[in-house]
Amino acid sequence: MKRLHEETGTTFVFVTHDQSEALALSTRIAIFNHGELLQIGKPSEVYERPANRFVAEFLGEINLLPLTDLAPEAGRIGGRFETQRLTVACERPEGVNGTCILAVRPEHLSIAARPPEREANALQARIESATYLGGVTRLKLRTAGGTALTLSLASGGAAPILAGGGELWITWPAEQGFLLPAGT
């Protein structure tokens, strides 16, 4: 389909519920829910910066962390999740007030045996399961407060940390997270 589209230069409207297929074949994606257009854009834009929780969850796995006590912090937005202060490199989105959801895709998370020495988003979590999927290992984790997290990492790269089992630190750059209104 993609080759045919490129060769003919013809506009195609392709309707699918297969998210991977939509991302792979499209130059622009429109996400609908019960007939309502929620977001339209390039596949990378819609995946990396979804307009709301429905779009974020529709296009793959995502970690959703409720933040409270939002406040600007040196060109970023900071908020409290459980006992940690986390930051996001963005402006405050419309509809986001005192509480919101910090969203981070599993592939943007990293693991470490110790807390980071420099300022970074970091959460301590316990490994619940590790599933080897060939080139990727999928970790299911749980924070001290009970929030479930999913992390995807290249297989083999974290073997020494995973061999220790138990608790580890999850980190990610502020640029890889985004905020969503709490009610969506």
C-alpha atoms as a PDB file:
ATOM      1  CA  MET A   1       0.000   0.000   0.000  1.00  0.00           C
ATOM      2  CA  LYS A   2       2.742   2.453   0.943  1.00  0.00           C
ATOM      3  CA  ARG A   3       4.717   1.759  -2.257  1.00  0.00           C
ATOM      4  CA  LEU A   4       1.551   2.152  -4.358  1.00  0.00           C
ATOM      5  CA  HIS A   5       0.779   5.437  -2.644  1.00  0.00           C
ATOM      6  CA  GLU A   6       4.309   6.755  -3.250  1.00  0.00           C
ATOM      7  CA  GLU A   7       4.384   5.612  -6.891  1.00  0.00           C
ATOM      8  CA  THR A   8       1.007   7.075  -7.838  1.00  0.00           C
ATOM      9  CA  GLY A   9       1.065  10.187  -5.692  1.00  0.00           C
ATOM     10  CA  THR A  10      -2.646   9.630  -5.191  1.00  0.00           C
ATOM     11  CA  THR A  11      -4.313  10.494  -1.923  1.00  0.00           C
ATOM     12  CA  PHE A  12      -5.445   7.402  -0.021  1.00  0.00           C
ATOM     13  CA  VAL A  13      -7.844   7.250   2.889  1.00  0.00           C
ATOM     14  CA  PHE A  14      -7.009   4.086   4.790  1.00  0.00           C
ATOM     15  CA  VAL A  15      -9.215   3.132   7.731  1.00  0.00           C
ATOM     16  CA  THR A  16      -7.760   0.729  10.286  1.00  0.00           C
ATOM     17  CA  HIS A  17      -7.859  -0.107  13.965  1.00  0.00           C
ATOM     18  CA  ASP A  18      -4.316  -1.512  13.790  1.00  0.00           C
ATOM     19  CA  GLN A  19      -2.157   1.205  15.338  1.00  0.00           C
ATOM     20  CA  SER A  20       1.144  -0.163  13.996  1.00  0.00           C
ATOM     21  CA  GLU A  21      -0.276  -0.318  10.497  1.00  0.00           C
ATOM     22  CA  ALA A  22      -1.594   3.240  10.765  1.00  0.00           C
ATOM     23  CA  LEU A  23       1.775   4.574  11.964  1.00  0.00           C
ATOM     24  CA  ALA A  24       3.714   2.685   9.275  1.00  0.00           C
ATOM     25  CA  LEU A  25       1.521   3.534   6.281  1.00  0.00           C
ATOM     26  CA  SER A  26       0.405   7.087   6.982  1.00  0.00           C
ATOM     27  CA  THR A  27       1.765  10.499   6.214  1.00  0.00           C
ATOM     28  CA  ARG A  28      -1.039  11.936   8.373  1.00  0.00           C
ATOM     29  CA  ILE A  29      -3.234  10.231  10.952  1.00  0.00           C
ATOM     30  CA  ALA A  30      -6.678  11.201  12.189  1.00  0.00           C
ATOM     31  CA  ILE A  31      -7.822   9.696  15.486  1.00  0.00           C
ATOM     32  CA  PHE A  32     -11.564   9.426  16.049  1.00  0.00           C
ATOM     33  CA  ASN A  33     -13.520   8.283  19.085  1.00  0.00           C
ATOM     34  CA  HIS A  34     -17.246   7.607  18.626  1.00  0.00           C
ATOM     35  CA  GLY A  35     -17.263   9.784  15.515  1.00  0.00           C
ATOM     36  CA  GLU A  36     -15.463  12.730  17.135  1.00  0.00           C
ATOM     37  CA  LEU A  37     -12.167  13.841  15.596  1.00  0.00           C
ATOM     38  CA  LEU A  38      -9.692  14.050  18.486  1.00  0.00           C
ATOM     39  CA  GLN A  39      -6.379  14.714  16.740  1.00  0.00           C
ATOM     40  CA  ILE A  40      -4.847  14.889  13.293  1.00  0.00           C
ATOM     41  CA  GLY A  41      -1.171  15.113  12.399  1.00  0.00           C
ATOM     42  CA  LYS A  42       1.959  13.314  11.273  1.00  0.00           C
ATOM     43  CA  PRO A  43       2.333   9.860  12.829  1.00  0.00           C
ATOM     44  CA  SER A  44       5.325  10.963  14.925  1.00  0.00           C
ATOM     45  CA  GLU A  45       3.468  14.053  16.205  1.00  0.00           C
ATOM     46  CA  VAL A  46       0.368  12.120  17.203  1.00  0.00           C
ATOM     47  CA  TYR A  47       2.394   9.345  18.854  1.00  0.00           C
ATOM     48  CA  GLU A  48       4.900  11.574  20.668  1.00  0.00           C
ATOM     49  CA  ARG A  49       2.500  14.392  21.630  1.00  0.00           C
ATOM     50  CA  PRO A  50      -1.062  13.075  21.786  1.00  0.00           C
ATOM     51  CA  ALA A  51      -3.779  15.633  22.445  1.00  0.00           C
ATOM     52  CA  ASN A  52      -5.455  13.639  25.224  1.00  0.00           C
ATOM     53  CA  ARG A  53      -5.416  10.414  27.184  1.00  0.00           C
ATOM     54  CA  PHE A  54      -7.583   8.511  24.690  1.00  0.00           C
ATOM     55  CA  VAL A  55      -5.157   9.228  21.831  1.00  0.00           C
ATOM     56  CA  ALA A  56      -2.150   8.427  24.051  1.00  0.00           C
ATOM     57  CA  GLU A  57      -3.540   5.041  25.067  1.00  0.00           C
ATOM     58  CA  PHE A  58      -4.942   4.234  21.616  1.00  0.00           C
ATOM     59  CA  LEU A  59      -1.509   4.508  19.986  1.00  0.00           C
ATOM     60  CA  GLY A  60       0.364   2.022  22.146  1.00  0.00           C
ATOM     61  CA  GLU A  61       1.585   1.485  25.658  1.00  0.00           C
ATOM     62  CA  ILE A  62       2.071   4.520  27.835  1.00  0.00           C
ATOM     63  CA  ASN A  63       2.929   5.217  31.453  1.00  0.00           C
ATOM     64  CA  LEU A  64       0.514   7.628  33.131  1.00  0.00           C
ATOM     65  CA  LEU A  65       1.654   9.327  36.332  1.00  0.00           C
ATOM     66  CA  PRO A  66      -0.765  11.638  38.156  1.00  0.00           C
ATOM     67  CA  LEU A  67       0.941  14.913  39.120  1.00  0.00           C
ATOM     68  CA  THR A  68      -0.202  17.369  41.753  1.00  0.00           C
ATOM     69  CA  ASP A  69       1.120  20.757  42.917  1.00  0.00           C
ATOM     70  CA  LEU A  70       2.030  21.916  39.400  1.00  0.00           C
ATOM     71  CA  ALA A  71       4.344  24.894  39.201  1.00  0.00           C
ATOM     72  CA  PRO A  72       6.675  26.458  36.624  1.00  0.00           C
ATOM     73  CA  GLU A  73      10.339  25.530  37.198  1.00  0.00           C
ATOM     74  CA  ALA A  74      12.955  27.282  35.019  1.00  0.00           C
ATOM     75  CA  GLY A  75      11.117  26.917  31.703  1.00  0.00           C
ATOM     76  CA  ARG A  76       9.581  23.590  32.684  1.00  0.00           C
ATOM     77  CA  ILE A  77       6.543  22.413  34.569  1.00  0.00           C
ATOM     78  CA  GLY A  78       7.141  20.516  37.798  1.00  0.00           C
ATOM     79  CA  GLY A  79       4.773  18.468  39.879  1.00  0.00           C
ATOM     80  CA  ARG A  80       4.638  15.874  42.618  1.00  0.00           C
ATOM     81  CA  PHE A  81       4.148  12.162  41.937  1.00  0.00           C
ATOM     82  CA  GLU A  82       4.065  10.041  45.091  1.00  0.00           C
ATOM     83  CA  THR A  83       7.167  11.296  46.959  1.00  0.00           C
ATOM     84  CA  GLN A  84       9.130  12.565  43.943  1.00  0.00           C
ATOM     85  CA  ARG A  85       9.216  15.914  42.174  1.00  0.00           C
ATOM     86  CA  LEU A  86       9.132  15.354  38.389  1.00  0.00           C
ATOM     87  CA  THR A  87       9.546  17.864  35.562  1.00  0.00           C
ATOM     88  CA  VAL A  88       8.384  18.151  31.974  1.00  0.00           C
ATOM     89  CA  ALA A  89      10.026  20.367  29.361  1.00  0.00           C
ATOM     90  CA  CYS A  90       6.902  22.048  28.046  1.00  0.00           C
ATOM     91  CA  GLU A  91       4.503  24.909  28.497  1.00  0.00           C
ATOM     92  CA  ARG A  92       1.394  24.296  30.541  1.00  0.00           C
ATOM     93  CA  PRO A  93      -1.148  22.853  28.084  1.00  0.00           C
ATOM     94  CA  GLU A  94      -4.659  24.211  27.864  1.00  0.00           C
ATOM     95  CA  GLY A  95      -6.951  22.513  30.364  1.00  0.00           C
ATOM     96  CA  VAL A  96      -4.128  21.594  32.753  1.00  0.00           C
ATOM     97  CA  ASN A  97      -4.446  23.287  36.131  1.00  0.00           C
ATOM     98  CA  GLY A  98      -3.465  22.058  39.620  1.00  0.00           C
ATOM     99  CA  THR A  99      -3.377  18.375  38.701  1.00  0.00           C
ATOM    100  CA  CYS A 100      -2.618  16.535  35.493  1.00  0.00           C
ATOM    101  CA  ILE A 101      -1.170  13.342  34.057  1.00  0.00           C
ATOM    102  CA  LEU A 102       2.505  13.043  33.138  1.00  0.00           C
ATOM    103  CA  ALA A 103       2.761  10.600  30.236  1.00  0.00           C
ATOM    104  CA  VAL A 104       5.946   8.798  29.159  1.00  0.00           C
ATOM    105  CA  ARG A 105       6.267   6.076  26.522  1.00  0.00           C
ATOM    106  CA  PRO A 106       7.965   2.828  27.731  1.00  0.00           C
ATOM    107  CA  GLU A 107      10.816   3.144  25.217  1.00  0.00           C
ATOM    108  CA  HIS A 108      11.841   6.527  26.669  1.00  0.00           C
ATOM    109  CA  LEU A 109      12.506   5.124  30.141  1.00  0.00           C
ATOM    110  CA  SER A 110      15.918   3.909  31.295  1.00  0.00           C
ATOM    111  CA  ILE A 111      16.959   1.861  34.309  1.00  0.00           C
ATOM    112  CA  ALA A 112      19.772   2.252  36.807  1.00  0.00           C
ATOM    113  CA  ALA A 113      20.872   0.393  39.927  1.00  0.00           C
ATOM    114  CA  ARG A 114      21.295   3.665  41.867  1.00  0.00           C
ATOM    115  CA  PRO A 115      19.539   7.027  41.864  1.00  0.00           C
ATOM    116  CA  PRO A 116      20.979   9.458  39.319  1.00  0.00           C
ATOM    117  CA  GLU A 117      23.616  11.864  40.634  1.00  0.00           C
ATOM    118  CA  ARG A 118      22.413  14.787  38.567  1.00  0.00           C
ATOM    119  CA  GLU A 119      18.956  16.261  38.343  1.00  0.00           C
ATOM    120  CA  ALA A 120      16.728  13.941  36.341  1.00  0.00           C
ATOM    121  CA  ASN A 121      13.290  12.459  36.564  1.00  0.00           C
ATOM    122  CA  ALA A 122      13.725   9.351  38.670  1.00  0.00           C
ATOM    123  CA  LEU A 123      11.442   6.879  40.418  1.00  0.00           C
ATOM    124  CA  GLN A 124      12.280   3.853  42.474  1.00  0.00           C
ATOM    125  CA  ALA A 125      10.354   0.771  41.375  1.00  0.00           C
ATOM    126  CA  ARG A 126      10.261  -2.977  41.911  1.00  0.00           C
ATOM    127  CA  ILE A 127      10.426  -5.438  39.018  1.00  0.00           C
ATOM    128  CA  GLU A 128       7.282  -7.551  38.784  1.00  0.00           C
ATOM    129  CA  SER A 129       8.185  -9.309  35.539  1.00  0.00           C
ATOM    130  CA  ALA A 130      10.685  -9.239  32.700  1.00  0.00           C
ATOM    131  CA  THR A 131       9.670 -10.628  29.313  1.00  0.00           C
ATOM    132  CA  TYR A 132      12.323 -11.306  26.701  1.00  0.00           C
ATOM    133  CA  LEU A 133      10.964 -10.459  23.228  1.00  0.00           C
ATOM    134  CA  GLY A 134      14.090 -10.892  21.134  1.00  0.00           C
ATOM    135  CA  GLY A 135      15.610  -7.474  20.529  1.00  0.00           C
ATOM    136  CA  VAL A 136      13.569  -5.926  23.340  1.00  0.00           C
ATOM    137  CA  THR A 137      12.899  -6.867  26.948  1.00  0.00           C
ATOM    138  CA  ARG A 138       9.629  -5.610  28.424  1.00  0.00           C
ATOM    139  CA  LEU A 139       9.655  -4.878  32.148  1.00  0.00           C
ATOM    140  CA  LYS A 140       6.546  -4.585  34.272  1.00  0.00           C
ATOM    141  CA  LEU A 141       7.321  -2.530  37.366  1.00  0.00           C
ATOM    142  CA  ARG A 142       5.513  -1.095  40.370  1.00  0.00           C
ATOM    143  CA  THR A 143       6.351   2.046  42.338  1.00  0.00           C
ATOM    144  CA  ALA A 144       6.238   2.183  46.150  1.00  0.00           C
ATOM    145  CA  GLY A 145       2.843   3.894  45.875  1.00  0.00           C
ATOM    146  CA  GLY A 146       1.469   1.057  43.727  1.00  0.00           C
ATOM    147  CA  THR A 147       1.558   2.653  40.260  1.00  0.00           C
ATOM    148  CA  ALA A 148       2.235   0.144  37.464  1.00  0.00           C
ATOM    149  CA  LEU A 149       4.905   1.068  34.897  1.00  0.00           C
ATOM    150  CA  THR A 150       6.045  -0.536  31.667  1.00  0.00           C
ATOM    151  CA  LEU A 151       9.566  -0.137  30.345  1.00  0.00           C
ATOM    152  CA  SER A 152      11.033  -1.344  27.046  1.00  0.00           C
ATOM    153  CA  LEU A 153      14.772  -1.718  26.673  1.00  0.00           C
ATOM    154  CA  ALA A 154      17.181  -3.319  24.271  1.00  0.00           C
ATOM    155  CA  SER A 155      17.738  -6.920  25.334  1.00  0.00           C
ATOM    156  CA  GLY A 156      21.105  -7.596  26.913  1.00  0.00           C
ATOM    157  CA  GLY A 157      21.900  -3.975  27.712  1.00  0.00           C
ATOM    158  CA  ALA A 158      20.542  -4.147  31.232  1.00  0.00           C
ATOM    159  CA  ALA A 159      21.370  -7.758  32.126  1.00  0.00           C
ATOM    160  CA  PRO A 160      23.653  -6.830  35.061  1.00  0.00           C
ATOM    161  CA  ILE A 161      21.010  -4.569  36.615  1.00  0.00           C
ATOM    162  CA  LEU A 162      18.185  -7.052  36.031  1.00  0.00           C
ATOM    163  CA  ALA A 163      20.250  -9.915  37.484  1.00  0.00           C
ATOM    164  CA  GLY A 164      20.108  -8.141  40.843  1.00  0.00           C
ATOM    165  CA  GLY A 165      16.305  -8.266  40.748  1.00  0.00           C
ATOM    166  CA  GLY A 166      14.277  -6.333  43.261  1.00  0.00           C
ATOM    167  CA  GLU A 167      14.290  -2.568  43.189  1.00  0.00           C
ATOM    168  CA  LEU A 168      15.881  -0.268  40.670  1.00  0.00           C
ATOM    169  CA  TRP A 169      15.609   3.327  39.476  1.00  0.00           C
ATOM    170  CA  ILE A 170      13.617   4.412  36.445  1.00  0.00           C
ATOM    171  CA  THR A 171      14.829   7.617  34.774  1.00  0.00           C
ATOM    172  CA  TRP A 172      13.922   9.695  31.739  1.00  0.00           C
ATOM    173  CA  PRO A 173      14.719  13.123  30.294  1.00  0.00           C
ATOM    174  CA  ALA A 174      12.206  15.902  30.940  1.00  0.00           C
ATOM    175  CA  GLU A 175      11.905  16.314  27.140  1.00  0.00           C
ATOM    176  CA  GLN A 176      10.463  12.805  26.744  1.00  0.00           C
ATOM    177  CA  GLY A 177       7.418  13.334  28.931  1.00  0.00           C
ATOM    178  CA  PHE A 178       4.269  15.318  28.180  1.00  0.00           C
ATOM    179  CA  LEU A 179       1.289  16.543  30.142  1.00  0.00           C
ATOM    180  CA  LEU A 180      -2.332  15.568  29.658  1.00  0.00           C
ATOM    181  CA  PRO A 181      -5.400  16.963  31.415  1.00  0.00           C
ATOM    182  CA  ALA A 182      -6.335  14.757  34.389  1.00  0.00           C
ATOM    183  CA  GLY A 183      -9.938  14.242  33.281  1.00  0.00           C
ATOM    184  CA  THR A 184      -9.362  12.841  29.789  1.00  0.00           C
END
